[in-house]
Amino acid sequence: MMNIEYRKLYICSTTQNIEERRADHISKLNIGTGSFFHQAIGTYGPEVFQWEIIDTATDLNELALKESMHITPLILAIIKTLEGVLERKYISIQIGVVILVNGLLYLGLL
């Protein structure tokens, strides 16, 4: 999904069709459960999100693998950007661990 107004990208996986998934996200927003993505829908409104299928899978293992395959380049770009920002501030870092939990990126610094 892409927030077309602010150019924020969200990647997720599902076994539902795209309309069911969209309805599920809006339902979770309306009952007050969910994640950062549901908060983004509440903040910006569902109409500013472009929903698109970027890949398909035949089973759950392939689905998880493909989700990681699409997320990994984004994580690497984030790391590169963070390293550049910190280097300009004369702070040296080494990133040792990257963990994605419920859509939140955690970086372990060495």
N, C-alpha and C. Protein backbone atom coordinates (compact mmCIF):
# COMPACT_ATOMS: atom_id res chain seq x y z
N MET A 1 0.84 -1.17 0.00
CA MET A 1 0.00 0.00 0.00
C MET A 1 0.89 1.23 0.00
N MET A 2 0.41 2.25 -0.63
CA MET A 2 1.16 3.51 -0.70
C MET A 2 0.24 4.63 -0.28
N ASN A 3 0.72 5.44 0.66
CA ASN A 3 0.03 6.67 0.98
C ASN A 3 0.42 7.65 -0.12
N ILE A 4 -0.50 7.89 -1.05
CA ILE A 4 -0.16 8.66 -2.25
C ILE A 4 0.03 10.14 -1.96
N GLU A 5 -0.48 10.60 -0.83
CA GLU A 5 -0.31 12.01 -0.47
C GLU A 5 1.08 12.27 0.11
N TYR A 6 1.55 11.37 0.97
CA TYR A 6 2.83 11.56 1.66
C TYR A 6 3.91 10.60 1.18
N ARG A 7 3.61 9.75 0.18
CA ARG A 7 4.58 8.82 -0.41
C ARG A 7 5.17 7.86 0.62
N LYS A 8 4.34 7.38 1.54
CA LYS A 8 4.78 6.39 2.51
C LYS A 8 4.34 5.01 2.03
N LEU A 9 5.26 4.06 2.06
CA LEU A 9 5.02 2.73 1.54
C LEU A 9 4.84 1.74 2.69
N TYR A 10 3.86 0.87 2.57
CA TYR A 10 3.61 -0.18 3.54
C TYR A 10 3.56 -1.51 2.79
N ILE A 11 4.31 -2.49 3.25
CA ILE A 11 4.28 -3.81 2.64
C ILE A 11 3.76 -4.80 3.66
N CYS A 12 2.80 -5.60 3.26
CA CYS A 12 2.26 -6.62 4.15
C CYS A 12 1.86 -7.82 3.33
N SER A 13 1.56 -8.90 4.01
CA SER A 13 1.11 -10.10 3.33
C SER A 13 -0.25 -10.49 3.87
N THR A 14 -1.00 -11.22 3.07
CA THR A 14 -2.33 -11.65 3.47
C THR A 14 -2.74 -12.87 2.67
N THR A 15 -3.67 -13.62 3.23
CA THR A 15 -4.29 -14.72 2.49
C THR A 15 -5.67 -14.31 1.99
N GLN A 16 -6.08 -13.08 2.30
CA GLN A 16 -7.37 -12.55 1.85
C GLN A 16 -7.22 -11.86 0.50
N ASN A 17 -8.35 -11.62 -0.17
CA ASN A 17 -8.24 -10.78 -1.36
C ASN A 17 -8.09 -9.33 -0.92
N ILE A 18 -7.75 -8.48 -1.84
CA ILE A 18 -7.37 -7.10 -1.49
C ILE A 18 -8.53 -6.31 -0.87
N GLU A 19 -9.75 -6.54 -1.33
CA GLU A 19 -10.91 -5.83 -0.76
C GLU A 19 -11.21 -6.31 0.65
N GLU A 20 -11.08 -7.62 0.90
CA GLU A 20 -11.27 -8.14 2.26
C GLU A 20 -10.21 -7.57 3.20
N ARG A 21 -8.97 -7.51 2.73
CA ARG A 21 -7.87 -6.99 3.55
C ARG A 21 -8.08 -5.53 3.89
N ARG A 22 -8.50 -4.76 2.89
CA ARG A 22 -8.77 -3.33 3.10
C ARG A 22 -9.89 -3.15 4.14
N ALA A 23 -10.96 -3.91 3.97
CA ALA A 23 -12.09 -3.84 4.92
C ALA A 23 -11.65 -4.24 6.32
N ASP A 24 -10.79 -5.26 6.42
CA ASP A 24 -10.27 -5.71 7.71
C ASP A 24 -9.47 -4.60 8.40
N HIS A 25 -8.62 -3.92 7.64
CA HIS A 25 -7.83 -2.82 8.22
C HIS A 25 -8.75 -1.69 8.71
N ILE A 26 -9.73 -1.34 7.95
CA ILE A 26 -10.65 -0.25 8.33
C ILE A 26 -11.48 -0.67 9.54
N SER A 27 -11.89 -1.93 9.59
CA SER A 27 -12.64 -2.44 10.73
C SER A 27 -11.80 -2.37 12.01
N LYS A 28 -10.54 -2.77 11.92
CA LYS A 28 -9.66 -2.72 13.10
C LYS A 28 -9.45 -1.27 13.55
N LEU A 29 -9.35 -0.37 12.61
CA LEU A 29 -9.24 1.05 12.96
C LEU A 29 -10.49 1.50 13.72
N ASN A 30 -11.66 1.13 13.21
CA ASN A 30 -12.93 1.57 13.80
C ASN A 30 -13.17 1.03 15.20
N ILE A 31 -12.65 -0.17 15.51
CA ILE A 31 -12.84 -0.73 16.86
C ILE A 31 -11.66 -0.45 17.78
N GLY A 32 -10.66 0.24 17.25
CA GLY A 32 -9.55 0.68 18.10
C GLY A 32 -8.47 -0.35 18.33
N THR A 33 -8.42 -1.38 17.51
CA THR A 33 -7.33 -2.35 17.62
C THR A 33 -6.46 -2.22 16.38
N GLY A 34 -5.34 -2.85 16.41
CA GLY A 34 -4.49 -2.82 15.23
C GLY A 34 -3.12 -2.26 15.52
N SER A 35 -2.52 -1.72 14.47
CA SER A 35 -1.11 -1.33 14.53
C SER A 35 -0.90 0.08 14.03
N PHE A 36 0.37 0.40 13.80
CA PHE A 36 0.74 1.71 13.28
C PHE A 36 0.05 1.98 11.95
N PHE A 37 -0.15 0.93 11.15
CA PHE A 37 -0.79 1.13 9.85
C PHE A 37 -2.24 1.57 10.02
N HIS A 38 -2.94 0.99 10.98
CA HIS A 38 -4.32 1.39 11.24
C HIS A 38 -4.37 2.85 11.71
N GLN A 39 -3.38 3.23 12.50
CA GLN A 39 -3.30 4.63 12.94
C GLN A 39 -3.07 5.55 11.75
N ALA A 40 -2.26 5.11 10.79
CA ALA A 40 -2.02 5.92 9.59
C ALA A 40 -3.30 6.08 8.78
N ILE A 41 -4.08 5.00 8.67
CA ILE A 41 -5.37 5.10 7.96
C ILE A 41 -6.27 6.10 8.67
N GLY A 42 -6.27 6.06 10.01
CA GLY A 42 -7.08 7.00 10.78
C GLY A 42 -6.61 8.44 10.63
N THR A 43 -5.31 8.63 10.56
CA THR A 43 -4.74 9.98 10.44
C THR A 43 -4.97 10.58 9.06
N TYR A 44 -4.68 9.79 8.03
CA TYR A 44 -4.71 10.33 6.66
C TYR A 44 -6.01 10.04 5.92
N GLY A 45 -6.77 9.03 6.38
CA GLY A 45 -7.99 8.62 5.71
C GLY A 45 -7.72 7.51 4.70
N PRO A 46 -8.62 6.54 4.59
CA PRO A 46 -8.39 5.40 3.69
C PRO A 46 -8.31 5.79 2.21
N GLU A 47 -8.88 6.93 1.87
CA GLU A 47 -8.89 7.33 0.45
C GLU A 47 -7.53 7.73 -0.08
N VAL A 48 -6.56 8.03 0.78
CA VAL A 48 -5.23 8.43 0.28
C VAL A 48 -4.29 7.23 0.11
N PHE A 49 -4.80 6.03 0.36
CA PHE A 49 -3.98 4.84 0.21
C PHE A 49 -4.29 4.12 -1.09
N GLN A 50 -3.24 3.82 -1.83
CA GLN A 50 -3.36 3.05 -3.06
C GLN A 50 -3.02 1.60 -2.71
N TRP A 51 -3.94 0.70 -2.95
CA TRP A 51 -3.76 -0.71 -2.61
C TRP A 51 -3.39 -1.47 -3.87
N GLU A 52 -2.31 -2.23 -3.80
CA GLU A 52 -1.83 -2.91 -5.00
C GLU A 52 -1.24 -4.27 -4.63
N ILE A 53 -1.51 -5.26 -5.44
CA ILE A 53 -0.89 -6.58 -5.27
C ILE A 53 0.42 -6.56 -6.05
N ILE A 54 1.52 -6.80 -5.34
CA ILE A 54 2.83 -6.76 -6.01
C ILE A 54 3.40 -8.15 -6.25
N ASP A 55 2.78 -9.17 -5.65
CA ASP A 55 3.26 -10.54 -5.83
C ASP A 55 2.19 -11.50 -5.32
N THR A 56 2.29 -12.76 -5.69
CA THR A 56 1.38 -13.79 -5.20
C THR A 56 2.18 -15.01 -4.77
N ALA A 57 1.55 -15.84 -3.96
CA ALA A 57 2.21 -17.05 -3.47
C ALA A 57 1.20 -18.19 -3.45
N THR A 58 1.72 -19.41 -3.43
CA THR A 58 0.84 -20.58 -3.43
C THR A 58 0.66 -21.20 -2.05
N ASP A 59 1.52 -20.85 -1.09
CA ASP A 59 1.37 -21.35 0.28
C ASP A 59 1.94 -20.34 1.26
N LEU A 60 1.74 -20.59 2.56
CA LEU A 60 2.15 -19.63 3.59
C LEU A 60 3.67 -19.45 3.66
N ASN A 61 4.43 -20.51 3.44
CA ASN A 61 5.89 -20.38 3.46
C ASN A 61 6.37 -19.48 2.34
N GLU A 62 5.83 -19.69 1.15
CA GLU A 62 6.20 -18.84 0.01
C GLU A 62 5.76 -17.40 0.26
N LEU A 63 4.58 -17.24 0.89
CA LEU A 63 4.08 -15.90 1.20
C LEU A 63 5.05 -15.17 2.14
N ALA A 64 5.50 -15.84 3.19
CA ALA A 64 6.45 -15.22 4.13
C ALA A 64 7.77 -14.90 3.45
N LEU A 65 8.24 -15.80 2.62
CA LEU A 65 9.50 -15.58 1.90
C LEU A 65 9.39 -14.37 0.97
N LYS A 66 8.30 -14.27 0.24
CA LYS A 66 8.14 -13.17 -0.69
C LYS A 66 7.95 -11.84 0.04
N GLU A 67 7.26 -11.86 1.19
CA GLU A 67 7.13 -10.64 1.97
C GLU A 67 8.51 -10.15 2.39
N SER A 68 9.35 -11.05 2.88
CA SER A 68 10.71 -10.69 3.27
C SER A 68 11.51 -10.19 2.08
N MET A 69 11.32 -10.82 0.93
CA MET A 69 12.05 -10.45 -0.28
C MET A 69 11.72 -9.00 -0.68
N HIS A 70 10.49 -8.59 -0.47
CA HIS A 70 10.11 -7.22 -0.84
C HIS A 70 10.48 -6.21 0.23
N ILE A 71 10.53 -6.64 1.49
CA ILE A 71 10.85 -5.73 2.60
C ILE A 71 12.36 -5.51 2.73
N THR A 72 13.16 -6.54 2.49
CA THR A 72 14.61 -6.45 2.70
C THR A 72 15.27 -5.27 1.99
N PRO A 73 15.00 -5.01 0.71
CA PRO A 73 15.63 -3.85 0.07
C PRO A 73 15.26 -2.53 0.73
N LEU A 74 14.04 -2.44 1.26
CA LEU A 74 13.63 -1.22 1.96
C LEU A 74 14.40 -1.06 3.26
N ILE A 75 14.58 -2.15 3.98
CA ILE A 75 15.35 -2.10 5.23
C ILE A 75 16.79 -1.66 4.94
N LEU A 76 17.38 -2.22 3.90
CA LEU A 76 18.75 -1.85 3.55
C LEU A 76 18.85 -0.38 3.17
N ALA A 77 17.85 0.14 2.48
CA ALA A 77 17.85 1.57 2.13
C ALA A 77 17.73 2.43 3.37
N ILE A 78 16.91 2.00 4.33
CA ILE A 78 16.76 2.74 5.59
C ILE A 78 18.09 2.76 6.34
N ILE A 79 18.74 1.60 6.41
CA ILE A 79 20.03 1.51 7.09
C ILE A 79 21.05 2.43 6.44
N LYS A 80 21.12 2.40 5.12
CA LYS A 80 22.08 3.25 4.40
C LYS A 80 21.81 4.73 4.68
N THR A 81 20.53 5.10 4.69
CA THR A 81 20.17 6.49 4.99
C THR A 81 20.57 6.86 6.41
N LEU A 82 20.28 5.97 7.37
CA LEU A 82 20.65 6.25 8.76
C LEU A 82 22.15 6.38 8.92
N GLU A 83 22.89 5.50 8.28
CA GLU A 83 24.35 5.57 8.37
C GLU A 83 24.85 6.90 7.82
N GLY A 84 24.29 7.34 6.69
CA GLY A 84 24.69 8.61 6.08
C GLY A 84 24.40 9.79 6.98
N VAL A 85 23.23 9.80 7.60
CA VAL A 85 22.86 10.89 8.50
C VAL A 85 23.79 10.92 9.70
N LEU A 86 24.05 9.75 10.29
CA LEU A 86 24.90 9.70 11.48
C LEU A 86 26.35 10.03 11.15
N GLU A 87 26.82 9.62 9.97
CA GLU A 87 28.19 9.96 9.57
C GLU A 87 28.36 11.47 9.42
N ARG A 88 27.34 12.14 8.88
CA ARG A 88 27.41 13.60 8.74
C ARG A 88 27.44 14.28 10.10
N LYS A 89 26.95 13.61 11.12
CA LYS A 89 26.99 14.16 12.47
C LYS A 89 28.19 13.62 13.24
N TYR A 90 29.11 12.98 12.52
CA TYR A 90 30.35 12.45 13.08
C TYR A 90 30.10 11.38 14.15
N ILE A 91 29.07 10.61 13.95
CA ILE A 91 28.79 9.49 14.85
C ILE A 91 28.99 8.22 14.03
N SER A 92 29.81 7.33 14.53
CA SER A 92 30.07 6.09 13.81
C SER A 92 29.21 4.98 14.40
N ILE A 93 28.56 4.20 13.54
CA ILE A 93 27.76 3.08 14.03
C ILE A 93 28.03 1.86 13.18
N GLN A 94 27.74 0.72 13.76
CA GLN A 94 27.66 -0.52 13.03
C GLN A 94 26.32 -1.14 13.40
N ILE A 95 25.59 -1.50 12.38
CA ILE A 95 24.28 -2.11 12.63
C ILE A 95 24.45 -3.61 12.61
N GLY A 96 24.11 -4.26 13.72
CA GLY A 96 24.32 -5.69 13.84
C GLY A 96 23.06 -6.51 13.67
N VAL A 97 21.93 -5.98 14.05
CA VAL A 97 20.70 -6.77 14.01
C VAL A 97 19.59 -5.89 13.47
N VAL A 98 18.82 -6.44 12.56
CA VAL A 98 17.62 -5.77 12.06
C VAL A 98 16.45 -6.72 12.28
N ILE A 99 15.47 -6.27 13.02
CA ILE A 99 14.33 -7.12 13.32
C ILE A 99 13.06 -6.38 12.92
N LEU A 100 12.17 -7.05 12.22
CA LEU A 100 10.89 -6.48 11.85
C LEU A 100 9.82 -7.18 12.68
N VAL A 101 9.16 -6.44 13.57
CA VAL A 101 8.13 -7.00 14.44
C VAL A 101 6.85 -6.19 14.25
N ASN A 102 5.81 -6.85 13.79
CA ASN A 102 4.54 -6.19 13.57
C ASN A 102 4.69 -4.89 12.79
N GLY A 103 5.53 -4.92 11.78
CA GLY A 103 5.69 -3.77 10.92
C GLY A 103 6.62 -2.69 11.46
N LEU A 104 7.19 -2.89 12.65
CA LEU A 104 8.11 -1.90 13.23
C LEU A 104 9.54 -2.38 13.05
N LEU A 105 10.40 -1.49 12.66
CA LEU A 105 11.79 -1.82 12.40
C LEU A 105 12.62 -1.53 13.64
N TYR A 106 13.34 -2.54 14.12
CA TYR A 106 14.24 -2.38 15.25
C TYR A 106 15.66 -2.62 14.76
N LEU A 107 16.55 -1.71 15.06
CA LEU A 107 17.94 -1.86 14.65
C LEU A 107 18.79 -2.08 15.90
N GLY A 108 19.61 -3.13 15.87
CA GLY A 108 20.55 -3.36 16.95
C GLY A 108 21.87 -2.73 16.59
N LEU A 109 22.33 -1.80 17.40
CA LEU A 109 23.59 -1.10 17.12
C LEU A 109 24.71 -1.75 17.91
N LEU A 110 25.85 -1.96 17.24
CA LEU A 110 27.01 -2.55 17.90
C LEU A 110 27.93 -1.47 18.44
